[in-house]
Amino acid sequence: MTYEQKIKSELDFWKFKTLQQPSLLNKVTDKVQKKINSYIPDKVHDAITSAIKQMVKAVLFGSTFTTSKPITDLTLMHREALIKQKVENYKKTGAAEGGITGAGGFLMSLADFPLLLGIKMKMLFDIAAVYGYDVKDYRERLYILHIFQLAFSSKEESQHVFRKMLSWDEQAHLLPTNIDEFDWLTFQQQYRDYIDLAKLAQMLPFVGAAVGAIANYKLIEKLGKTAMMSYRMRYFSLQYAISSSEETENRKLKTGN
């Protein structure tokens, strides 16, 4: 089995899992999560909302994360080996950051949200560059935000985002030129509601450090996998388009049309 066949099989299974209907456990978890969120002080929600809003603006308008140049001279297998190494490094960085802020209690845990967002976004920009995409392109930045949404949204919302990403390269030229049209409000609401029970437990005394480290590690791991699958999806979509175009040209040559 070639490397492409192996990862194509992994991609197909990931797509199947993504499009599965939410289980009873998912539904119960969502209800519990929303109930717990209702008990969180407004200032915590406000801090998260503000951090996400500023992060979205930084991604869309700024150059904070655009330090990586697209890599164009590696095979897919070597690209993904490099990406896996980068994800491991980011997981360790996130775990260390979560442990430090978790040990600091409630106020320090509030600082964890923007710090963790920054780590996640920097990782996504690095992954995009290794796959050969120029993150200076607004459309590539928007794709990065869709990856984030796909990883950290409810089952229903993630499926909605997934379907928008299926034919990204064919539809990219139709994207609005006004980046203010990005729905950052839904983006932040989904991320806020996704924050699992472990992240909330990070604010508790004594156990916060351990919880923060583990939660950050797992969240970055999930985002890294989602990013790789999302770019694999584009890779195979492009390969299919090229193959179809070549077949069409061959038929024209054979028929003389």
C-alpha atoms as a PDB file:
ATOM      1  CA  MET A   1       0.000   0.000   0.000  1.00  0.00           C
ATOM      2  CA  THR A   2       1.389   3.399  -0.977  1.00  0.00           C
ATOM      3  CA  TYR A   3       1.463   6.350   1.403  1.00  0.00           C
ATOM      4  CA  GLU A   4      -1.308   8.095  -0.532  1.00  0.00           C
ATOM      5  CA  GLN A   5      -3.518   5.001  -0.375  1.00  0.00           C
ATOM      6  CA  LYS A   6      -2.937   4.756   3.374  1.00  0.00           C
ATOM      7  CA  ILE A   7      -3.862   8.350   4.143  1.00  0.00           C
ATOM      8  CA  LYS A   8      -6.789   8.245   1.689  1.00  0.00           C
ATOM      9  CA  SER A   9      -8.221   5.395   3.750  1.00  0.00           C
ATOM     10  CA  GLU A  10      -7.691   7.435   6.944  1.00  0.00           C
ATOM     11  CA  LEU A  11      -9.354  10.442   5.317  1.00  0.00           C
ATOM     12  CA  ASP A  12     -12.401   8.435   4.224  1.00  0.00           C
ATOM     13  CA  PHE A  13     -12.890   7.130   7.779  1.00  0.00           C
ATOM     14  CA  TRP A  14     -12.539  10.653   9.201  1.00  0.00           C
ATOM     15  CA  LYS A  15     -15.155  11.946   6.741  1.00  0.00           C
ATOM     16  CA  PHE A  16     -17.505   9.137   7.768  1.00  0.00           C
ATOM     17  CA  LYS A  17     -17.080   9.976  11.466  1.00  0.00           C
ATOM     18  CA  THR A  18     -17.533  13.696  10.798  1.00  0.00           C
ATOM     19  CA  LEU A  19     -20.822  13.183   8.968  1.00  0.00           C
ATOM     20  CA  GLN A  20     -22.247  10.707  11.483  1.00  0.00           C
ATOM     21  CA  GLN A  21     -25.359  11.817  13.281  1.00  0.00           C
ATOM     22  CA  PRO A  22     -24.688  12.974  16.851  1.00  0.00           C
ATOM     23  CA  SER A  23     -24.971  10.141  19.341  1.00  0.00           C
ATOM     24  CA  LEU A  24     -27.116  10.236  22.451  1.00  0.00           C
ATOM     25  CA  LEU A  25     -23.938  10.833  24.459  1.00  0.00           C
ATOM     26  CA  ASN A  26     -23.070  13.825  22.250  1.00  0.00           C
ATOM     27  CA  LYS A  27     -26.518  15.309  22.814  1.00  0.00           C
ATOM     28  CA  VAL A  28     -26.378  14.787  26.571  1.00  0.00           C
ATOM     29  CA  THR A  29     -22.853  16.235  26.732  1.00  0.00           C
ATOM     30  CA  ASP A  30     -23.955  19.311  24.782  1.00  0.00           C
ATOM     31  CA  LYS A  31     -26.830  19.903  27.195  1.00  0.00           C
ATOM     32  CA  VAL A  32     -24.569  19.489  30.220  1.00  0.00           C
ATOM     33  CA  GLN A  33     -22.006  21.823  28.665  1.00  0.00           C
ATOM     34  CA  LYS A  34     -24.580  24.529  28.011  1.00  0.00           C
ATOM     35  CA  LYS A  35     -25.946  24.178  31.519  1.00  0.00           C
ATOM     36  CA  ILE A  36     -22.492  24.563  33.047  1.00  0.00           C
ATOM     37  CA  ASN A  37     -21.748  27.520  30.760  1.00  0.00           C
ATOM     38  CA  SER A  38     -24.833  29.232  32.150  1.00  0.00           C
ATOM     39  CA  TYR A  39     -23.227  29.182  35.605  1.00  0.00           C
ATOM     40  CA  ILE A  40     -19.961  30.755  34.451  1.00  0.00           C
ATOM     41  CA  PRO A  41     -19.661  34.444  35.395  1.00  0.00           C
ATOM     42  CA  ASP A  42     -20.362  36.909  32.610  1.00  0.00           C
ATOM     43  CA  LYS A  43     -16.878  38.364  32.918  1.00  0.00           C
ATOM     44  CA  VAL A  44     -15.427  34.986  31.945  1.00  0.00           C
ATOM     45  CA  HIS A  45     -17.641  34.773  28.876  1.00  0.00           C
ATOM     46  CA  ASP A  46     -16.794  38.383  28.032  1.00  0.00           C
ATOM     47  CA  ALA A  47     -13.075  37.656  28.319  1.00  0.00           C
ATOM     48  CA  ILE A  48     -13.364  34.647  26.002  1.00  0.00           C
ATOM     49  CA  THR A  49     -15.506  36.546  23.493  1.00  0.00           C
ATOM     50  CA  SER A  50     -13.073  39.449  23.443  1.00  0.00           C
ATOM     51  CA  ALA A  51     -10.072  37.168  23.014  1.00  0.00           C
ATOM     52  CA  ILE A  52     -11.673  35.292  20.118  1.00  0.00           C
ATOM     53  CA  LYS A  53     -12.834  38.478  18.417  1.00  0.00           C
ATOM     54  CA  GLN A  54      -9.330  39.952  18.557  1.00  0.00           C
ATOM     55  CA  MET A  55      -7.826  36.692  17.326  1.00  0.00           C
ATOM     56  CA  VAL A  56     -10.165  36.559  14.321  1.00  0.00           C
ATOM     57  CA  LYS A  57      -9.267  40.145  13.477  1.00  0.00           C
ATOM     58  CA  ALA A  58      -5.575  39.330  13.787  1.00  0.00           C
ATOM     59  CA  VAL A  59      -5.963  36.391  11.419  1.00  0.00           C
ATOM     60  CA  LEU A  60      -8.011  38.293   8.858  1.00  0.00           C
ATOM     61  CA  PHE A  61      -6.373  41.701   8.967  1.00  0.00           C
ATOM     62  CA  GLY A  62      -2.956  41.360  10.562  1.00  0.00           C
ATOM     63  CA  SER A  63       0.358  39.747   9.799  1.00  0.00           C
ATOM     64  CA  THR A  64       0.977  38.266  13.250  1.00  0.00           C
ATOM     65  CA  PHE A  65       1.017  34.676  12.043  1.00  0.00           C
ATOM     66  CA  THR A  66       2.311  35.081   8.493  1.00  0.00           C
ATOM     67  CA  THR A  67       5.962  34.389   9.216  1.00  0.00           C
ATOM     68  CA  SER A  68       6.023  30.996   7.504  1.00  0.00           C
ATOM     69  CA  LYS A  69       6.655  30.806   3.770  1.00  0.00           C
ATOM     70  CA  PRO A  70       4.941  28.081   1.733  1.00  0.00           C
ATOM     71  CA  ILE A  71       7.104  25.000   1.171  1.00  0.00           C
ATOM     72  CA  THR A  72       7.041  23.800  -2.428  1.00  0.00           C
ATOM     73  CA  ASP A  73       9.780  21.181  -2.754  1.00  0.00           C
ATOM     74  CA  LEU A  74       8.698  18.276  -0.543  1.00  0.00           C
ATOM     75  CA  THR A  75       6.705  15.110  -1.196  1.00  0.00           C
ATOM     76  CA  LEU A  76       3.403  14.699   0.603  1.00  0.00           C
ATOM     77  CA  MET A  77       4.893  12.063   2.888  1.00  0.00           C
ATOM     78  CA  HIS A  78       7.764  14.356   3.920  1.00  0.00           C
ATOM     79  CA  ARG A  79       5.384  17.298   4.393  1.00  0.00           C
ATOM     80  CA  GLU A  80       3.235  15.292   6.780  1.00  0.00           C
ATOM     81  CA  ALA A  81       6.227  13.961   8.687  1.00  0.00           C
ATOM     82  CA  LEU A  82       7.309  17.555   9.265  1.00  0.00           C
ATOM     83  CA  ILE A  83       3.771  18.581  10.258  1.00  0.00           C
ATOM     84  CA  LYS A  84       3.466  15.759  12.792  1.00  0.00           C
ATOM     85  CA  GLN A  85       6.706  16.917  14.373  1.00  0.00           C
ATOM     86  CA  LYS A  86       5.423  20.492  14.540  1.00  0.00           C
ATOM     87  CA  VAL A  87       2.120  19.387  16.090  1.00  0.00           C
ATOM     88  CA  GLU A  88       4.009  17.443  18.768  1.00  0.00           C
ATOM     89  CA  ASN A  89       6.026  20.562  19.603  1.00  0.00           C
ATOM     90  CA  TYR A  90       2.891  22.700  19.809  1.00  0.00           C
ATOM     91  CA  LYS A  91       1.200  20.105  22.047  1.00  0.00           C
ATOM     92  CA  LYS A  92       4.112  20.313  24.471  1.00  0.00           C
ATOM     93  CA  THR A  93       4.069  24.117  24.358  1.00  0.00           C
ATOM     94  CA  GLY A  94       0.318  24.187  24.992  1.00  0.00           C
ATOM     95  CA  ALA A  95       0.597  21.700  27.840  1.00  0.00           C
ATOM     96  CA  ALA A  96       3.318  23.767  29.513  1.00  0.00           C
ATOM     97  CA  GLU A  97       1.278  26.953  29.122  1.00  0.00           C
ATOM     98  CA  GLY A  98      -1.863  25.270  30.469  1.00  0.00           C
ATOM     99  CA  GLY A  99       0.028  23.914  33.468  1.00  0.00           C
ATOM    100  CA  ILE A 100       1.452  27.312  34.369  1.00  0.00           C
ATOM    101  CA  THR A 101      -1.823  29.221  34.027  1.00  0.00           C
ATOM    102  CA  GLY A 102      -3.782  26.407  35.708  1.00  0.00           C
ATOM    103  CA  ALA A 103      -1.491  26.565  38.725  1.00  0.00           C
ATOM    104  CA  GLY A 104      -2.249  30.280  39.035  1.00  0.00           C
ATOM    105  CA  GLY A 105      -5.927  29.791  39.756  1.00  0.00           C
ATOM    106  CA  PHE A 106      -8.936  31.647  38.385  1.00  0.00           C
ATOM    107  CA  LEU A 107      -7.331  34.870  37.147  1.00  0.00           C
ATOM    108  CA  MET A 108      -4.396  33.122  35.513  1.00  0.00           C
ATOM    109  CA  SER A 109      -6.778  30.660  33.862  1.00  0.00           C
ATOM    110  CA  LEU A 110      -8.554  33.591  32.226  1.00  0.00           C
ATOM    111  CA  ALA A 111      -5.236  34.474  30.598  1.00  0.00           C
ATOM    112  CA  ASP A 112      -5.021  30.929  29.226  1.00  0.00           C
ATOM    113  CA  PHE A 113      -7.738  31.480  26.620  1.00  0.00           C
ATOM    114  CA  PRO A 114      -5.969  34.128  24.491  1.00  0.00           C
ATOM    115  CA  LEU A 115      -2.607  32.404  24.973  1.00  0.00           C
ATOM    116  CA  LEU A 116      -3.971  29.048  23.851  1.00  0.00           C
ATOM    117  CA  LEU A 117      -5.752  30.662  20.906  1.00  0.00           C
ATOM    118  CA  GLY A 118      -2.463  32.166  19.794  1.00  0.00           C
ATOM    119  CA  ILE A 119      -0.685  28.818  19.990  1.00  0.00           C
ATOM    120  CA  LYS A 120      -3.446  27.099  18.012  1.00  0.00           C
ATOM    121  CA  MET A 121      -3.551  29.732  15.277  1.00  0.00           C
ATOM    122  CA  LYS A 122       0.237  29.824  14.899  1.00  0.00           C
ATOM    123  CA  MET A 123       0.186  26.047  14.478  1.00  0.00           C
ATOM    124  CA  LEU A 124      -2.490  26.263  11.769  1.00  0.00           C
ATOM    125  CA  PHE A 125      -0.494  28.855   9.848  1.00  0.00           C
ATOM    126  CA  ASP A 126       2.602  26.658  10.055  1.00  0.00           C
ATOM    127  CA  ILE A 127       0.662  23.609   8.848  1.00  0.00           C
ATOM    128  CA  ALA A 128      -0.768  25.543   5.907  1.00  0.00           C
ATOM    129  CA  ALA A 129       2.712  26.680   4.882  1.00  0.00           C
ATOM    130  CA  VAL A 130       4.144  23.150   5.036  1.00  0.00           C
ATOM    131  CA  TYR A 131       1.339  21.945   2.784  1.00  0.00           C
ATOM    132  CA  GLY A 132       2.431  24.647   0.345  1.00  0.00           C
ATOM    133  CA  TYR A 133      -0.312  27.244   0.822  1.00  0.00           C
ATOM    134  CA  ASP A 134       0.446  30.961   1.005  1.00  0.00           C
ATOM    135  CA  VAL A 135      -1.163  32.288   4.179  1.00  0.00           C
ATOM    136  CA  LYS A 136      -0.837  35.847   2.891  1.00  0.00           C
ATOM    137  CA  ASP A 137      -3.808  34.999   0.689  1.00  0.00           C
ATOM    138  CA  TYR A 138      -7.018  36.033   2.427  1.00  0.00           C
ATOM    139  CA  ARG A 139      -8.776  32.896   1.181  1.00  0.00           C
ATOM    140  CA  GLU A 140      -6.182  30.695   2.856  1.00  0.00           C
ATOM    141  CA  ARG A 141      -6.661  32.586   6.124  1.00  0.00           C
ATOM    142  CA  LEU A 142     -10.371  32.031   5.842  1.00  0.00           C
ATOM    143  CA  TYR A 143      -9.768  28.316   5.282  1.00  0.00           C
ATOM    144  CA  ILE A 144      -7.711  28.271   8.482  1.00  0.00           C
ATOM    145  CA  LEU A 145     -10.641  29.759  10.396  1.00  0.00           C
ATOM    146  CA  HIS A 146     -12.912  27.094   8.903  1.00  0.00           C
ATOM    147  CA  ILE A 147     -10.519  24.392  10.135  1.00  0.00           C
ATOM    148  CA  PHE A 148     -10.736  25.931  13.592  1.00  0.00           C
ATOM    149  CA  GLN A 149     -14.526  25.931  13.405  1.00  0.00           C
ATOM    150  CA  LEU A 150     -14.561  22.335  12.201  1.00  0.00           C
ATOM    151  CA  ALA A 151     -12.457  21.222  15.171  1.00  0.00           C
ATOM    152  CA  PHE A 152     -14.229  23.211  17.883  1.00  0.00           C
ATOM    153  CA  SER A 153     -17.920  23.340  17.044  1.00  0.00           C
ATOM    154  CA  SER A 154     -20.973  21.304  17.884  1.00  0.00           C
ATOM    155  CA  LYS A 155     -21.618  18.224  15.742  1.00  0.00           C
ATOM    156  CA  GLU A 156     -24.303  20.017  13.742  1.00  0.00           C
ATOM    157  CA  GLU A 157     -22.222  23.134  13.134  1.00  0.00           C
ATOM    158  CA  SER A 158     -19.074  21.158  12.298  1.00  0.00           C
ATOM    159  CA  GLN A 159     -20.990  19.237   9.620  1.00  0.00           C
ATOM    160  CA  HIS A 160     -22.214  22.530   8.166  1.00  0.00           C
ATOM    161  CA  VAL A 161     -18.632  23.837   8.039  1.00  0.00           C
ATOM    162  CA  PHE A 162     -17.366  20.541   6.609  1.00  0.00           C
ATOM    163  CA  ARG A 163     -19.747  20.724   3.656  1.00  0.00           C
ATOM    164  CA  LYS A 164     -18.563  24.249   2.877  1.00  0.00           C
ATOM    165  CA  MET A 165     -14.977  22.994   2.817  1.00  0.00           C
ATOM    166  CA  LEU A 166     -15.604  20.008   0.512  1.00  0.00           C
ATOM    167  CA  SER A 167     -15.122  21.947  -2.724  1.00  0.00           C
ATOM    168  CA  TRP A 168     -13.079  24.831  -1.343  1.00  0.00           C
ATOM    169  CA  ASP A 169     -10.722  25.341  -4.267  1.00  0.00           C
ATOM    170  CA  GLU A 170     -13.559  25.289  -6.792  1.00  0.00           C
ATOM    171  CA  GLN A 171     -15.564  27.820  -4.754  1.00  0.00           C
ATOM    172  CA  ALA A 172     -12.734  30.014  -3.428  1.00  0.00           C
ATOM    173  CA  HIS A 173     -13.076  32.570  -6.217  1.00  0.00           C
ATOM    174  CA  LEU A 174     -16.691  33.140  -5.138  1.00  0.00           C
ATOM    175  CA  LEU A 175     -15.739  34.159  -1.607  1.00  0.00           C
ATOM    176  CA  PRO A 176     -16.701  37.686  -0.596  1.00  0.00           C
ATOM    177  CA  THR A 177     -13.932  40.218  -1.031  1.00  0.00           C
ATOM    178  CA  ASN A 178     -15.047  42.020   2.125  1.00  0.00           C
ATOM    179  CA  ILE A 179     -13.527  40.098   5.013  1.00  0.00           C
ATOM    180  CA  ASP A 180     -15.827  41.907   7.445  1.00  0.00           C
ATOM    181  CA  GLU A 181     -18.494  39.484   6.259  1.00  0.00           C
ATOM    182  CA  PHE A 182     -16.910  36.629   8.193  1.00  0.00           C
ATOM    183  CA  ASP A 183     -19.349  35.470  10.867  1.00  0.00           C
ATOM    184  CA  TRP A 184     -17.030  35.829  13.854  1.00  0.00           C
ATOM    185  CA  LEU A 185     -19.980  35.864  16.270  1.00  0.00           C
ATOM    186  CA  THR A 186     -20.972  32.275  15.442  1.00  0.00           C
ATOM    187  CA  PHE A 187     -17.287  31.394  15.453  1.00  0.00           C
ATOM    188  CA  GLN A 188     -16.742  32.590  19.025  1.00  0.00           C
ATOM    189  CA  GLN A 189     -20.034  31.195  20.308  1.00  0.00           C
ATOM    190  CA  GLN A 190     -19.250  27.741  18.993  1.00  0.00           C
ATOM    191  CA  TYR A 191     -15.739  27.798  20.415  1.00  0.00           C
ATOM    192  CA  ARG A 192     -16.926  29.073  23.782  1.00  0.00           C
ATOM    193  CA  ASP A 193     -19.612  26.386  23.990  1.00  0.00           C
ATOM    194  CA  TYR A 194     -17.143  23.703  22.903  1.00  0.00           C
ATOM    195  CA  ILE A 195     -14.688  24.366  25.728  1.00  0.00           C
ATOM    196  CA  ASP A 196     -14.986  21.084  27.556  1.00  0.00           C
ATOM    197  CA  LEU A 197     -15.449  20.379  31.234  1.00  0.00           C
ATOM    198  CA  ALA A 198     -11.738  19.855  31.703  1.00  0.00           C
ATOM    199  CA  LYS A 199     -10.950  23.441  30.678  1.00  0.00           C
ATOM    200  CA  LEU A 200     -13.481  24.724  33.192  1.00  0.00           C
ATOM    201  CA  ALA A 201     -11.932  22.506  35.865  1.00  0.00           C
ATOM    202  CA  GLN A 202      -8.624  24.237  35.132  1.00  0.00           C
ATOM    203  CA  MET A 203      -9.930  27.155  37.182  1.00  0.00           C
ATOM    204  CA  LEU A 204     -10.217  25.012  40.300  1.00  0.00           C
ATOM    205  CA  PRO A 205      -7.520  25.225  42.981  1.00  0.00           C
ATOM    206  CA  PHE A 206      -4.998  22.374  43.468  1.00  0.00           C
ATOM    207  CA  VAL A 207      -5.980  20.423  40.323  1.00  0.00           C
ATOM    208  CA  GLY A 208      -5.859  23.316  37.858  1.00  0.00           C
ATOM    209  CA  ALA A 209      -2.247  22.803  36.759  1.00  0.00           C
ATOM    210  CA  ALA A 210      -2.639  19.138  35.825  1.00  0.00           C
ATOM    211  CA  VAL A 211      -6.026  19.702  34.209  1.00  0.00           C
ATOM    212  CA  GLY A 212      -4.787  22.683  32.205  1.00  0.00           C
ATOM    213  CA  ALA A 213      -1.797  20.784  30.857  1.00  0.00           C
ATOM    214  CA  ILE A 214      -3.813  17.733  29.791  1.00  0.00           C
ATOM    215  CA  ALA A 215      -6.702  19.733  28.324  1.00  0.00           C
ATOM    216  CA  ASN A 216      -4.445  21.971  26.233  1.00  0.00           C
ATOM    217  CA  TYR A 217      -2.489  18.947  25.006  1.00  0.00           C
ATOM    218  CA  LYS A 218      -5.677  17.196  23.857  1.00  0.00           C
ATOM    219  CA  LEU A 219      -7.230  20.306  22.285  1.00  0.00           C
ATOM    220  CA  ILE A 220      -4.104  21.008  20.220  1.00  0.00           C
ATOM    221  CA  GLU A 221      -3.901  17.338  19.253  1.00  0.00           C
ATOM    222  CA  LYS A 222      -7.494  17.459  17.971  1.00  0.00           C
ATOM    223  CA  LEU A 223      -6.851  20.650  16.024  1.00  0.00           C
ATOM    224  CA  GLY A 224      -3.684  19.242  14.463  1.00  0.00           C
ATOM    225  CA  LYS A 225      -5.503  16.136  13.254  1.00  0.00           C
ATOM    226  CA  THR A 226      -8.420  18.190  11.906  1.00  0.00           C
ATOM    227  CA  ALA A 227      -5.994  20.436  10.008  1.00  0.00           C
ATOM    228  CA  MET A 228      -4.170  17.503   8.431  1.00  0.00           C
ATOM    229  CA  MET A 229      -7.428  15.879   7.330  1.00  0.00           C
ATOM    230  CA  SER A 230      -8.688  19.186   5.944  1.00  0.00           C
ATOM    231  CA  TYR A 231      -5.587  19.681   3.796  1.00  0.00           C
ATOM    232  CA  ARG A 232      -5.607  16.031   2.732  1.00  0.00           C
ATOM    233  CA  MET A 233      -9.168  16.631   1.545  1.00  0.00           C
ATOM    234  CA  ARG A 234      -7.964  19.492  -0.645  1.00  0.00           C
ATOM    235  CA  TYR A 235      -5.021  17.444  -1.908  1.00  0.00           C
ATOM    236  CA  PHE A 236      -7.151  14.544  -3.109  1.00  0.00           C
ATOM    237  CA  SER A 237      -9.792  16.889  -4.489  1.00  0.00           C
ATOM    238  CA  LEU A 238      -7.109  18.567  -6.587  1.00  0.00           C
ATOM    239  CA  GLN A 239      -5.702  15.214  -7.713  1.00  0.00           C
ATOM    240  CA  TYR A 240      -9.171  14.158  -8.811  1.00  0.00           C
ATOM    241  CA  ALA A 241      -9.663  17.405 -10.737  1.00  0.00           C
ATOM    242  CA  ILE A 242      -6.327  16.956 -12.524  1.00  0.00           C
ATOM    243  CA  SER A 243      -7.121  13.327 -13.352  1.00  0.00           C
ATOM    244  CA  SER A 244     -10.563  14.235 -14.706  1.00  0.00           C
ATOM    245  CA  SER A 245      -9.076  17.020 -16.831  1.00  0.00           C
ATOM    246  CA  GLU A 246      -6.463  14.668 -18.288  1.00  0.00           C
ATOM    247  CA  GLU A 247      -9.128  12.068 -19.107  1.00  0.00           C
ATOM    248  CA  THR A 248     -11.214  14.708 -20.865  1.00  0.00           C
ATOM    249  CA  GLU A 249      -8.219  15.842 -22.925  1.00  0.00           C
ATOM    250  CA  ASN A 250      -7.380  12.254 -23.853  1.00  0.00           C
ATOM    251  CA  ARG A 251     -10.936  11.615 -25.028  1.00  0.00           C
ATOM    252  CA  LYS A 252     -10.811  14.739 -27.163  1.00  0.00           C
ATOM    253  CA  LEU A 253      -7.555  13.607 -28.764  1.00  0.00           C
ATOM    254  CA  LYS A 254      -8.967  10.168 -29.501  1.00  0.00           C
ATOM    255  CA  THR A 255     -12.198  11.465 -31.022  1.00  0.00           C
ATOM    256  CA  GLY A 256     -10.569  14.406 -32.758  1.00  0.00           C
ATOM    257  CA  ASN A 257     -12.938  16.894 -31.086  1.00  0.00           C
END
